[in-house]
Amino acid sequence: MEKITVSIVEDIPEIREGVRFIINQTRNFSCLSVYDNAGDACRGLLAEPPQLAIMDISLPDGTGLDCIRKLRAAGSAIQFMVFTIYEDSDQVFEALSAGASGYLLKNAAPEKITEALKELYDGGSPMSASIARKVVNSFRASEEQNKLSAREVEVLGLLAKGFLYKEIAAQLFISTGTIRQHIHHIYEKLHVQNRTEAVNKVFGKQG
């Protein structure tokens, strides 16, 4: 069987060479090319596309996500796996919306990297366990947010930032009594007892 080709876009030499070694030691996989910046990666991946690409987010001349967007816009069929130190939900969703199919943290063990590449090649969406948990939590938070009106989300957002009722009332040009009514409705809709529980449910601060 022909080997599955992988390219690496990573600006830290030790990580780049470490991943290249892991790929070349893995049966049926071969490292086709390596790049240390976004510009060279975009040009190289378009000229000589691998089947899979491991993409760092922070690069000296841009971001790996911008590179993925450009290649997707050009019709590239490469399957991308973002490889990064960032594990916040916003980065995950930005990567997926840019066109990545997988998201792995750089502290992943070598066997996790090879498992992720195999899963990616087979059409899956590999993710670190902690990343998958954050994705699930974010979806749950979105569902909870949908239970509230736009005004209630606004009020709760200001509460989450530590504003007092009277400060929120002043910002929104409504009375403190109306703020209390909004808070009461928020607690009822979310089935919570206090501000912390409400904030956690809607903004996904848990775990």
N, C-alpha and C. Protein backbone atom coordinates (compact mmCIF):
# COMPACT_ATOMS: atom_id res chain seq x y z
N MET A 1 0.84 -1.20 0.00
CA MET A 1 0.00 0.00 0.00
C MET A 1 0.87 1.25 0.00
N GLU A 2 0.41 2.26 -0.73
CA GLU A 2 1.15 3.53 -0.75
C GLU A 2 1.04 4.21 0.60
N LYS A 3 2.11 4.88 0.99
CA LYS A 3 2.11 5.53 2.30
C LYS A 3 1.24 6.79 2.29
N ILE A 4 0.61 7.03 3.42
CA ILE A 4 -0.22 8.24 3.59
C ILE A 4 0.71 9.41 3.85
N THR A 5 0.58 10.46 3.06
CA THR A 5 1.51 11.58 3.17
C THR A 5 1.01 12.64 4.13
N VAL A 6 1.95 13.15 4.93
CA VAL A 6 1.64 14.15 5.95
C VAL A 6 2.63 15.31 5.83
N SER A 7 2.12 16.53 5.94
CA SER A 7 2.98 17.71 6.02
C SER A 7 2.83 18.34 7.40
N ILE A 8 3.91 18.99 7.85
CA ILE A 8 3.92 19.61 9.18
C ILE A 8 4.19 21.11 9.03
N VAL A 9 3.35 21.91 9.68
CA VAL A 9 3.58 23.37 9.71
C VAL A 9 3.76 23.74 11.17
N GLU A 10 5.02 24.01 11.56
CA GLU A 10 5.38 24.24 12.96
C GLU A 10 6.68 25.05 13.00
N ASP A 11 6.69 26.14 13.75
CA ASP A 11 7.87 27.00 13.74
C ASP A 11 8.93 26.64 14.79
N ILE A 12 8.60 25.79 15.75
CA ILE A 12 9.59 25.39 16.75
C ILE A 12 10.31 24.14 16.25
N PRO A 13 11.63 24.25 15.97
CA PRO A 13 12.36 23.14 15.34
C PRO A 13 12.26 21.82 16.08
N GLU A 14 12.37 21.86 17.42
CA GLU A 14 12.36 20.62 18.20
C GLU A 14 11.03 19.88 18.04
N ILE A 15 9.93 20.65 18.09
CA ILE A 15 8.60 20.03 17.93
C ILE A 15 8.43 19.52 16.51
N ARG A 16 8.82 20.35 15.55
CA ARG A 16 8.68 19.98 14.13
C ARG A 16 9.42 18.68 13.82
N GLU A 17 10.68 18.59 14.27
CA GLU A 17 11.48 17.40 13.98
C GLU A 17 11.00 16.20 14.77
N GLY A 18 10.49 16.46 15.98
CA GLY A 18 9.95 15.37 16.78
C GLY A 18 8.74 14.74 16.12
N VAL A 19 7.85 15.59 15.62
CA VAL A 19 6.64 15.09 14.95
C VAL A 19 7.01 14.39 13.63
N ARG A 20 7.99 14.96 12.92
CA ARG A 20 8.44 14.33 11.67
C ARG A 20 8.96 12.90 11.95
N PHE A 21 9.73 12.77 13.02
CA PHE A 21 10.28 11.46 13.41
C PHE A 21 9.15 10.49 13.72
N ILE A 22 8.16 10.96 14.50
CA ILE A 22 7.02 10.09 14.87
C ILE A 22 6.29 9.60 13.62
N ILE A 23 6.04 10.54 12.69
CA ILE A 23 5.31 10.17 11.45
C ILE A 23 6.10 9.14 10.65
N ASN A 24 7.40 9.38 10.45
CA ASN A 24 8.21 8.48 9.63
C ASN A 24 8.44 7.11 10.29
N GLN A 25 8.24 7.04 11.61
CA GLN A 25 8.36 5.76 12.32
C GLN A 25 7.03 5.01 12.36
N THR A 26 5.97 5.66 11.88
CA THR A 26 4.64 5.05 11.93
C THR A 26 4.35 4.31 10.63
N ARG A 27 3.93 3.09 10.75
CA ARG A 27 3.67 2.25 9.57
C ARG A 27 2.63 2.89 8.66
N ASN A 28 2.89 2.88 7.38
CA ASN A 28 1.99 3.39 6.33
C ASN A 28 1.90 4.91 6.28
N PHE A 29 2.75 5.62 7.06
CA PHE A 29 2.75 7.08 7.01
C PHE A 29 4.12 7.60 6.59
N SER A 30 4.12 8.73 5.92
CA SER A 30 5.38 9.34 5.49
C SER A 30 5.27 10.86 5.55
N CYS A 31 6.30 11.52 6.08
CA CYS A 31 6.30 12.98 6.13
C CYS A 31 6.73 13.51 4.76
N LEU A 32 5.82 14.20 4.10
CA LEU A 32 6.08 14.71 2.75
C LEU A 32 6.89 16.00 2.78
N SER A 33 6.54 16.91 3.72
CA SER A 33 7.20 18.22 3.76
C SER A 33 7.01 18.86 5.12
N VAL A 34 7.88 19.82 5.44
CA VAL A 34 7.76 20.60 6.68
C VAL A 34 7.91 22.08 6.35
N TYR A 35 7.20 22.91 7.12
CA TYR A 35 7.26 24.36 6.92
C TYR A 35 7.31 25.03 8.29
N ASP A 36 8.02 26.18 8.35
CA ASP A 36 8.12 26.89 9.63
C ASP A 36 7.41 28.24 9.62
N ASN A 37 6.65 28.52 8.55
CA ASN A 37 5.89 29.78 8.50
C ASN A 37 4.66 29.61 7.60
N ALA A 38 3.71 30.51 7.77
CA ALA A 38 2.43 30.41 7.06
C ALA A 38 2.56 30.63 5.56
N GLY A 39 3.38 31.60 5.17
CA GLY A 39 3.53 31.93 3.75
C GLY A 39 4.05 30.76 2.94
N ASP A 40 5.16 30.17 3.40
CA ASP A 40 5.74 29.02 2.69
C ASP A 40 4.78 27.84 2.71
N ALA A 41 4.09 27.68 3.86
CA ALA A 41 3.14 26.56 3.98
C ALA A 41 2.01 26.68 2.97
N CYS A 42 1.42 27.85 2.85
CA CYS A 42 0.31 28.05 1.91
C CYS A 42 0.74 27.73 0.48
N ARG A 43 1.91 28.24 0.11
CA ARG A 43 2.41 28.01 -1.26
C ARG A 43 2.76 26.53 -1.47
N GLY A 44 3.49 25.97 -0.49
CA GLY A 44 3.96 24.59 -0.63
C GLY A 44 2.83 23.56 -0.60
N LEU A 45 1.88 23.77 0.29
CA LEU A 45 0.77 22.81 0.41
C LEU A 45 -0.14 22.85 -0.81
N LEU A 46 -0.18 23.99 -1.46
CA LEU A 46 -0.98 24.12 -2.69
C LEU A 46 -0.25 23.46 -3.86
N ALA A 47 1.09 23.65 -3.93
CA ALA A 47 1.88 23.10 -5.03
C ALA A 47 2.07 21.59 -4.92
N GLU A 48 2.29 21.13 -3.68
CA GLU A 48 2.52 19.71 -3.46
C GLU A 48 1.70 19.26 -2.25
N PRO A 49 0.41 19.04 -2.48
CA PRO A 49 -0.48 18.74 -1.35
C PRO A 49 -0.28 17.33 -0.77
N PRO A 50 -0.21 17.23 0.55
CA PRO A 50 -0.21 15.94 1.21
C PRO A 50 -1.66 15.50 1.40
N GLN A 51 -1.86 14.32 1.94
CA GLN A 51 -3.22 13.92 2.27
C GLN A 51 -3.67 14.52 3.60
N LEU A 52 -2.71 14.63 4.53
CA LEU A 52 -2.98 15.20 5.84
C LEU A 52 -1.97 16.29 6.15
N ALA A 53 -2.39 17.26 6.96
CA ALA A 53 -1.46 18.31 7.39
C ALA A 53 -1.66 18.61 8.86
N ILE A 54 -0.54 18.69 9.58
CA ILE A 54 -0.56 19.09 11.00
C ILE A 54 -0.21 20.57 11.03
N MET A 55 -1.11 21.38 11.58
CA MET A 55 -0.97 22.83 11.48
C MET A 55 -0.92 23.52 12.84
N ASP A 56 0.17 24.24 13.09
CA ASP A 56 0.26 25.07 14.30
C ASP A 56 -0.60 26.31 14.09
N ILE A 57 -1.06 26.93 15.18
CA ILE A 57 -1.86 28.16 15.04
C ILE A 57 -0.95 29.38 14.95
N SER A 58 -0.05 29.54 15.92
CA SER A 58 0.80 30.74 15.98
C SER A 58 2.07 30.53 15.17
N LEU A 59 2.18 31.29 14.08
CA LEU A 59 3.35 31.21 13.22
C LEU A 59 3.96 32.61 13.08
N PRO A 60 5.24 32.70 12.71
CA PRO A 60 5.91 34.01 12.69
C PRO A 60 5.25 35.06 11.79
N ASP A 61 4.63 34.62 10.71
CA ASP A 61 4.10 35.58 9.73
C ASP A 61 2.58 35.50 9.59
N GLY A 62 1.90 34.95 10.57
CA GLY A 62 0.45 34.85 10.48
C GLY A 62 -0.04 33.70 11.33
N THR A 63 -1.23 33.20 11.00
CA THR A 63 -1.75 32.06 11.76
C THR A 63 -2.01 30.88 10.85
N GLY A 64 -1.92 29.72 11.44
CA GLY A 64 -2.22 28.51 10.69
C GLY A 64 -3.66 28.46 10.22
N LEU A 65 -4.55 29.09 10.99
CA LEU A 65 -5.97 29.09 10.62
C LEU A 65 -6.20 29.89 9.35
N ASP A 66 -5.48 31.01 9.20
CA ASP A 66 -5.59 31.80 7.96
C ASP A 66 -5.11 30.97 6.77
N CYS A 67 -4.05 30.21 7.00
CA CYS A 67 -3.51 29.35 5.94
C CYS A 67 -4.54 28.29 5.54
N ILE A 68 -5.20 27.69 6.53
CA ILE A 68 -6.23 26.69 6.24
C ILE A 68 -7.36 27.32 5.43
N ARG A 69 -7.78 28.52 5.84
CA ARG A 69 -8.87 29.21 5.11
C ARG A 69 -8.49 29.44 3.65
N LYS A 70 -7.27 29.91 3.42
CA LYS A 70 -6.82 30.19 2.04
C LYS A 70 -6.80 28.90 1.21
N LEU A 71 -6.30 27.83 1.80
CA LEU A 71 -6.22 26.57 1.06
C LEU A 71 -7.61 25.99 0.79
N ARG A 72 -8.50 26.11 1.77
CA ARG A 72 -9.89 25.65 1.56
C ARG A 72 -10.54 26.47 0.44
N ALA A 73 -10.31 27.78 0.46
CA ALA A 73 -10.89 28.66 -0.58
C ALA A 73 -10.36 28.30 -1.96
N ALA A 74 -9.14 27.78 -2.00
CA ALA A 74 -8.53 27.39 -3.28
C ALA A 74 -8.94 25.98 -3.70
N GLY A 75 -9.78 25.34 -2.88
CA GLY A 75 -10.30 24.03 -3.24
C GLY A 75 -9.47 22.86 -2.75
N SER A 76 -8.55 23.11 -1.81
CA SER A 76 -7.69 22.04 -1.31
C SER A 76 -8.50 20.97 -0.59
N ALA A 77 -8.11 19.70 -0.81
CA ALA A 77 -8.80 18.57 -0.16
C ALA A 77 -8.00 18.02 1.01
N ILE A 78 -6.93 18.70 1.39
CA ILE A 78 -6.11 18.26 2.52
C ILE A 78 -6.96 18.19 3.79
N GLN A 79 -6.74 17.15 4.59
CA GLN A 79 -7.39 17.06 5.90
C GLN A 79 -6.45 17.68 6.94
N PHE A 80 -6.91 18.72 7.60
CA PHE A 80 -6.06 19.45 8.54
C PHE A 80 -6.32 19.06 9.99
N MET A 81 -5.23 18.91 10.74
CA MET A 81 -5.34 18.75 12.19
C MET A 81 -4.55 19.88 12.84
N VAL A 82 -5.24 20.71 13.60
CA VAL A 82 -4.58 21.80 14.31
C VAL A 82 -3.81 21.19 15.49
N PHE A 83 -2.58 21.67 15.67
CA PHE A 83 -1.67 21.15 16.70
C PHE A 83 -1.17 22.35 17.47
N THR A 84 -1.64 22.52 18.71
CA THR A 84 -1.41 23.80 19.37
C THR A 84 -1.37 23.67 20.90
N ILE A 85 -0.98 24.75 21.56
CA ILE A 85 -1.01 24.78 23.03
C ILE A 85 -2.34 25.35 23.52
N TYR A 86 -3.11 25.97 22.61
CA TYR A 86 -4.36 26.63 23.01
C TYR A 86 -5.50 25.62 23.15
N GLU A 87 -6.21 25.69 24.28
CA GLU A 87 -7.32 24.76 24.45
C GLU A 87 -8.62 25.44 24.84
N ASP A 88 -8.73 26.77 24.60
CA ASP A 88 -9.99 27.42 24.91
C ASP A 88 -11.00 27.17 23.79
N SER A 89 -12.27 27.21 24.17
CA SER A 89 -13.35 26.85 23.24
C SER A 89 -13.37 27.72 21.99
N ASP A 90 -13.10 29.02 22.16
CA ASP A 90 -13.13 29.93 21.01
C ASP A 90 -12.13 29.52 19.94
N GLN A 91 -10.92 29.15 20.36
CA GLN A 91 -9.90 28.71 19.40
C GLN A 91 -10.32 27.43 18.70
N VAL A 92 -10.93 26.51 19.46
CA VAL A 92 -11.38 25.25 18.87
C VAL A 92 -12.40 25.51 17.77
N PHE A 93 -13.42 26.32 18.10
CA PHE A 93 -14.48 26.59 17.12
C PHE A 93 -13.97 27.38 15.93
N GLU A 94 -13.01 28.29 16.17
CA GLU A 94 -12.44 29.04 15.05
C GLU A 94 -11.70 28.09 14.12
N ALA A 95 -10.96 27.14 14.72
CA ALA A 95 -10.22 26.17 13.91
C ALA A 95 -11.16 25.31 13.08
N LEU A 96 -12.23 24.83 13.70
CA LEU A 96 -13.18 23.97 12.98
C LEU A 96 -13.91 24.74 11.88
N SER A 97 -14.25 26.00 12.17
CA SER A 97 -14.94 26.80 11.15
C SER A 97 -13.99 27.20 10.03
N ALA A 98 -12.69 27.25 10.32
CA ALA A 98 -11.71 27.57 9.28
C ALA A 98 -11.54 26.42 8.30
N GLY A 99 -11.89 25.20 8.75
CA GLY A 99 -11.79 24.04 7.86
C GLY A 99 -10.96 22.90 8.41
N ALA A 100 -10.52 23.02 9.68
CA ALA A 100 -9.78 21.90 10.29
C ALA A 100 -10.75 20.79 10.65
N SER A 101 -10.26 19.56 10.63
CA SER A 101 -11.10 18.41 10.99
C SER A 101 -10.72 17.83 12.35
N GLY A 102 -9.52 18.18 12.84
CA GLY A 102 -9.06 17.68 14.12
C GLY A 102 -8.37 18.75 14.92
N TYR A 103 -8.20 18.51 16.22
CA TYR A 103 -7.60 19.51 17.11
C TYR A 103 -6.88 18.78 18.23
N LEU A 104 -5.55 18.86 18.24
CA LEU A 104 -4.76 18.13 19.21
C LEU A 104 -3.81 19.08 19.94
N LEU A 105 -3.63 18.82 21.23
CA LEU A 105 -2.71 19.65 22.02
C LEU A 105 -1.28 19.15 21.86
N LYS A 106 -0.33 20.09 21.95
CA LYS A 106 1.07 19.74 21.73
C LYS A 106 1.65 18.85 22.82
N ASN A 107 0.98 18.76 23.95
CA ASN A 107 1.50 17.88 25.00
C ASN A 107 0.99 16.44 24.84
N ALA A 108 0.36 16.15 23.71
CA ALA A 108 -0.15 14.80 23.45
C ALA A 108 1.02 13.81 23.32
N ALA A 109 0.81 12.61 23.83
CA ALA A 109 1.84 11.56 23.72
C ALA A 109 1.99 11.14 22.26
N PRO A 110 3.19 10.65 21.87
CA PRO A 110 3.42 10.23 20.48
C PRO A 110 2.36 9.28 19.93
N GLU A 111 1.92 8.32 20.77
CA GLU A 111 0.91 7.36 20.26
C GLU A 111 -0.43 8.05 20.01
N LYS A 112 -0.71 9.12 20.76
CA LYS A 112 -1.95 9.88 20.53
C LYS A 112 -1.89 10.62 19.20
N ILE A 113 -0.70 11.10 18.86
CA ILE A 113 -0.53 11.81 17.57
C ILE A 113 -0.77 10.83 16.42
N THR A 114 -0.18 9.64 16.50
CA THR A 114 -0.37 8.68 15.41
C THR A 114 -1.81 8.17 15.35
N GLU A 115 -2.42 7.97 16.51
CA GLU A 115 -3.84 7.57 16.53
C GLU A 115 -4.71 8.64 15.89
N ALA A 116 -4.40 9.91 16.20
CA ALA A 116 -5.17 11.02 15.66
C ALA A 116 -5.03 11.10 14.13
N LEU A 117 -3.81 10.88 13.64
CA LEU A 117 -3.59 10.91 12.19
C LEU A 117 -4.37 9.79 11.49
N LYS A 118 -4.38 8.62 12.10
CA LYS A 118 -5.14 7.50 11.51
C LYS A 118 -6.63 7.80 11.49
N GLU A 119 -7.10 8.38 12.60
CA GLU A 119 -8.52 8.74 12.68
C GLU A 119 -8.87 9.81 11.65
N LEU A 120 -7.97 10.79 11.51
CA LEU A 120 -8.18 11.86 10.53
C LEU A 120 -8.26 11.29 9.12
N TYR A 121 -7.34 10.39 8.79
CA TYR A 121 -7.31 9.77 7.46
C TYR A 121 -8.58 8.96 7.20
N ASP A 122 -9.12 8.36 8.25
CA ASP A 122 -10.33 7.54 8.12
C ASP A 122 -11.62 8.37 8.12
N GLY A 123 -11.47 9.69 8.14
CA GLY A 123 -12.65 10.56 8.06
C GLY A 123 -13.17 11.04 9.40
N GLY A 124 -12.42 10.77 10.47
CA GLY A 124 -12.86 11.19 11.80
C GLY A 124 -12.42 12.61 12.13
N SER A 125 -12.77 13.03 13.35
CA SER A 125 -12.38 14.36 13.85
C SER A 125 -11.69 14.20 15.19
N PRO A 126 -10.40 13.84 15.16
CA PRO A 126 -9.69 13.59 16.41
C PRO A 126 -9.54 14.83 17.26
N MET A 127 -9.73 14.67 18.58
CA MET A 127 -9.55 15.77 19.52
C MET A 127 -9.04 15.22 20.84
N SER A 128 -8.23 16.03 21.53
CA SER A 128 -7.82 15.67 22.89
C SER A 128 -9.08 15.58 23.76
N ALA A 129 -9.03 14.74 24.79
CA ALA A 129 -10.20 14.56 25.67
C ALA A 129 -10.63 15.89 26.29
N SER A 130 -9.66 16.69 26.72
CA SER A 130 -10.01 17.97 27.35
C SER A 130 -10.67 18.92 26.36
N ILE A 131 -10.23 18.85 25.09
CA ILE A 131 -10.83 19.69 24.04
C ILE A 131 -12.26 19.23 23.77
N ALA A 132 -12.46 17.93 23.66
CA ALA A 132 -13.81 17.40 23.39
C ALA A 132 -14.76 17.82 24.50
N ARG A 133 -14.27 17.80 25.75
CA ARG A 133 -15.11 18.20 26.88
C ARG A 133 -15.50 19.67 26.77
N LYS A 134 -14.55 20.49 26.36
CA LYS A 134 -14.84 21.93 26.22
C LYS A 134 -15.87 22.17 25.11
N VAL A 135 -15.77 21.40 24.03
CA VAL A 135 -16.73 21.53 22.93
C VAL A 135 -18.13 21.18 23.43
N VAL A 136 -18.23 20.07 24.16
CA VAL A 136 -19.53 19.64 24.70
C VAL A 136 -20.08 20.71 25.64
N ASN A 137 -19.22 21.22 26.53
CA ASN A 137 -19.66 22.26 27.48
C ASN A 137 -20.14 23.51 26.75
N SER A 138 -19.46 23.86 25.67
CA SER A 138 -19.86 25.06 24.92
C SER A 138 -21.22 24.87 24.26
N PHE A 139 -21.48 23.66 23.73
CA PHE A 139 -22.79 23.38 23.15
C PHE A 139 -23.88 23.46 24.21
N ARG A 140 -23.56 22.90 25.39
CA ARG A 140 -24.53 22.96 26.48
C ARG A 140 -24.81 24.40 26.87
N ALA A 141 -23.74 25.20 26.94
CA ALA A 141 -23.89 26.61 27.30
C ALA A 141 -24.75 27.33 26.27
N SER A 142 -24.56 27.00 24.99
CA SER A 142 -25.36 27.63 23.93
C SER A 142 -26.83 27.28 24.07
N GLU A 143 -27.09 26.02 24.42
CA GLU A 143 -28.48 25.59 24.61
C GLU A 143 -29.13 26.36 25.75
N GLU A 144 -28.39 26.55 26.84
CA GLU A 144 -28.92 27.28 27.98
C GLU A 144 -29.16 28.74 27.61
N GLN A 145 -28.23 29.29 26.83
CA GLN A 145 -28.36 30.70 26.43
C GLN A 145 -29.61 30.91 25.59
N ASN A 146 -29.96 29.91 24.79
CA ASN A 146 -31.13 30.03 23.94
C ASN A 146 -32.44 30.10 24.72
N LYS A 147 -32.39 29.70 25.99
CA LYS A 147 -33.60 29.76 26.83
C LYS A 147 -33.89 31.20 27.26
N LEU A 148 -32.88 32.06 27.19
CA LEU A 148 -33.02 33.42 27.69
C LEU A 148 -33.28 34.41 26.57
N SER A 149 -33.89 35.52 26.93
CA SER A 149 -34.08 36.61 25.95
C SER A 149 -32.74 37.33 25.78
N ALA A 150 -32.63 38.12 24.72
CA ALA A 150 -31.40 38.87 24.48
C ALA A 150 -31.08 39.78 25.66
N ARG A 151 -32.12 40.41 26.22
CA ARG A 151 -31.92 41.32 27.36
C ARG A 151 -31.42 40.55 28.59
N GLU A 152 -31.98 39.35 28.81
CA GLU A 152 -31.55 38.55 29.95
C GLU A 152 -30.10 38.10 29.81
N VAL A 153 -29.69 37.76 28.60
CA VAL A 153 -28.29 37.39 28.36
C VAL A 153 -27.38 38.59 28.64
N GLU A 154 -27.86 39.77 28.22
CA GLU A 154 -27.10 41.00 28.44
C GLU A 154 -26.93 41.28 29.93
N VAL A 155 -28.01 41.13 30.67
CA VAL A 155 -27.98 41.36 32.13
C VAL A 155 -27.03 40.36 32.80
N LEU A 156 -27.16 39.09 32.42
CA LEU A 156 -26.32 38.07 33.02
C LEU A 156 -24.84 38.27 32.67
N GLY A 157 -24.58 38.74 31.46
CA GLY A 157 -23.21 39.02 31.04
C GLY A 157 -22.57 40.09 31.91
N LEU A 158 -23.35 41.12 32.24
CA LEU A 158 -22.85 42.19 33.10
C LEU A 158 -22.68 41.69 34.54
N LEU A 159 -23.59 40.84 34.98
CA LEU A 159 -23.45 40.23 36.30
C LEU A 159 -22.16 39.41 36.38
N ALA A 160 -21.87 38.68 35.30
CA ALA A 160 -20.67 37.84 35.25
C ALA A 160 -19.40 38.68 35.36
N LYS A 161 -19.48 39.93 34.90
CA LYS A 161 -18.31 40.83 34.97
C LYS A 161 -18.20 41.52 36.33
N GLY A 162 -19.15 41.21 37.23
CA GLY A 162 -19.06 41.75 38.58
C GLY A 162 -19.81 43.04 38.83
N PHE A 163 -20.62 43.48 37.88
CA PHE A 163 -21.38 44.72 38.08
C PHE A 163 -22.49 44.52 39.10
N LEU A 164 -22.76 45.54 39.87
CA LEU A 164 -23.88 45.52 40.82
C LEU A 164 -25.18 45.80 40.08
N TYR A 165 -26.32 45.45 40.72
CA TYR A 165 -27.63 45.67 40.10
C TYR A 165 -27.80 47.12 39.66
N LYS A 166 -27.44 48.06 40.54
CA LYS A 166 -27.66 49.48 40.21
C LYS A 166 -26.75 49.93 39.06
N GLU A 167 -25.55 49.31 38.96
CA GLU A 167 -24.63 49.65 37.85
C GLU A 167 -25.16 49.11 36.53
N ILE A 168 -25.74 47.92 36.57
CA ILE A 168 -26.34 47.32 35.37
C ILE A 168 -27.53 48.16 34.93
N ALA A 169 -28.36 48.56 35.91
CA ALA A 169 -29.53 49.39 35.61
C ALA A 169 -29.11 50.69 34.93
N ALA A 170 -28.04 51.29 35.43
CA ALA A 170 -27.55 52.56 34.85
C ALA A 170 -27.06 52.35 33.42
N GLN A 171 -26.34 51.24 33.20
CA GLN A 171 -25.81 50.96 31.86
C GLN A 171 -26.91 50.69 30.85
N LEU A 172 -27.98 50.03 31.30
CA LEU A 172 -29.05 49.63 30.38
C LEU A 172 -30.23 50.60 30.38
N PHE A 173 -30.10 51.66 31.20
CA PHE A 173 -31.14 52.70 31.27
C PHE A 173 -32.50 52.14 31.68
N ILE A 174 -32.47 51.24 32.67
CA ILE A 174 -33.71 50.70 33.24
C ILE A 174 -33.58 50.73 34.76
N SER A 175 -34.67 50.47 35.45
CA SER A 175 -34.65 50.56 36.91
C SER A 175 -34.04 49.33 37.56
N THR A 176 -33.60 49.49 38.80
CA THR A 176 -33.05 48.37 39.56
C THR A 176 -34.11 47.29 39.75
N GLY A 177 -35.36 47.72 39.92
CA GLY A 177 -36.47 46.77 40.07
C GLY A 177 -36.61 45.89 38.83
N THR A 178 -36.45 46.49 37.66
CA THR A 178 -36.54 45.71 36.41
C THR A 178 -35.39 44.72 36.32
N ILE A 179 -34.20 45.14 36.78
CA ILE A 179 -33.05 44.22 36.79
C ILE A 179 -33.36 43.01 37.68
N ARG A 180 -33.96 43.28 38.85
CA ARG A 180 -34.30 42.18 39.76
C ARG A 180 -35.30 41.22 39.10
N GLN A 181 -36.24 41.77 38.35
CA GLN A 181 -37.21 40.92 37.64
C GLN A 181 -36.50 40.04 36.62
N HIS A 182 -35.56 40.65 35.87
CA HIS A 182 -34.80 39.89 34.87
C HIS A 182 -34.03 38.75 35.55
N ILE A 183 -33.38 39.06 36.68
CA ILE A 183 -32.60 38.04 37.39
C ILE A 183 -33.51 36.91 37.86
N HIS A 184 -34.68 37.27 38.37
CA HIS A 184 -35.66 36.26 38.83
C HIS A 184 -36.05 35.33 37.68
N HIS A 185 -36.33 35.92 36.51
CA HIS A 185 -36.71 35.12 35.34
C HIS A 185 -35.55 34.23 34.87
N ILE A 186 -34.35 34.77 34.94
CA ILE A 186 -33.16 33.99 34.53
C ILE A 186 -33.03 32.76 35.41
N TYR A 187 -33.13 32.95 36.73
CA TYR A 187 -33.00 31.83 37.66
C TYR A 187 -34.09 30.79 37.42
N GLU A 188 -35.31 31.27 37.17
CA GLU A 188 -36.43 30.36 36.91
C GLU A 188 -36.19 29.53 35.66
N LYS A 189 -35.79 30.22 34.56
CA LYS A 189 -35.61 29.53 33.28
C LYS A 189 -34.46 28.51 33.32
N LEU A 190 -33.41 28.86 34.07
CA LEU A 190 -32.24 27.99 34.11
C LEU A 190 -32.28 26.97 35.25
N HIS A 191 -33.29 27.12 36.13
CA HIS A 191 -33.41 26.23 37.30
C HIS A 191 -32.16 26.30 38.18
N VAL A 192 -31.74 27.52 38.49
CA VAL A 192 -30.58 27.72 39.35
C VAL A 192 -30.98 28.58 40.55
N GLN A 193 -30.07 28.62 41.54
CA GLN A 193 -30.37 29.33 42.78
C GLN A 193 -29.58 30.63 42.93
N ASN A 194 -28.50 30.76 42.17
CA ASN A 194 -27.66 31.94 42.38
C ASN A 194 -26.93 32.36 41.11
N ARG A 195 -26.25 33.50 41.23
CA ARG A 195 -25.55 34.11 40.11
C ARG A 195 -24.49 33.16 39.53
N THR A 196 -23.68 32.54 40.40
CA THR A 196 -22.59 31.68 39.93
C THR A 196 -23.10 30.52 39.09
N GLU A 197 -24.17 29.87 39.54
CA GLU A 197 -24.75 28.75 38.78
C GLU A 197 -25.27 29.23 37.43
N ALA A 198 -25.89 30.39 37.42
CA ALA A 198 -26.44 30.93 36.16
C ALA A 198 -25.33 31.24 35.18
N VAL A 199 -24.28 31.90 35.66
CA VAL A 199 -23.14 32.26 34.79
C VAL A 199 -22.48 31.00 34.24
N ASN A 200 -22.28 30.00 35.10
CA ASN A 200 -21.67 28.76 34.66
C ASN A 200 -22.48 28.07 33.56
N LYS A 201 -23.78 28.05 33.74
CA LYS A 201 -24.65 27.39 32.76
C LYS A 201 -24.63 28.07 31.40
N VAL A 202 -24.68 29.39 31.42
CA VAL A 202 -24.82 30.14 30.16
C VAL A 202 -23.51 30.41 29.47
N PHE A 203 -22.45 30.64 30.24
CA PHE A 203 -21.17 30.99 29.63
C PHE A 203 -20.15 29.88 29.68
N GLY A 204 -20.59 28.68 30.09
CA GLY A 204 -19.73 27.51 29.99
C GLY A 204 -18.47 27.58 30.80
N LYS A 205 -18.52 28.13 32.01
CA LYS A 205 -17.30 28.25 32.82
C LYS A 205 -16.94 26.95 33.51
N GLN A 206 -17.87 26.00 33.50
CA GLN A 206 -17.58 24.77 34.22
C GLN A 206 -16.58 23.93 33.47
N GLY A 207 -15.76 23.18 34.31
CA GLY A 207 -14.76 22.19 33.81
C GLY A 207 -14.25 22.45 32.49
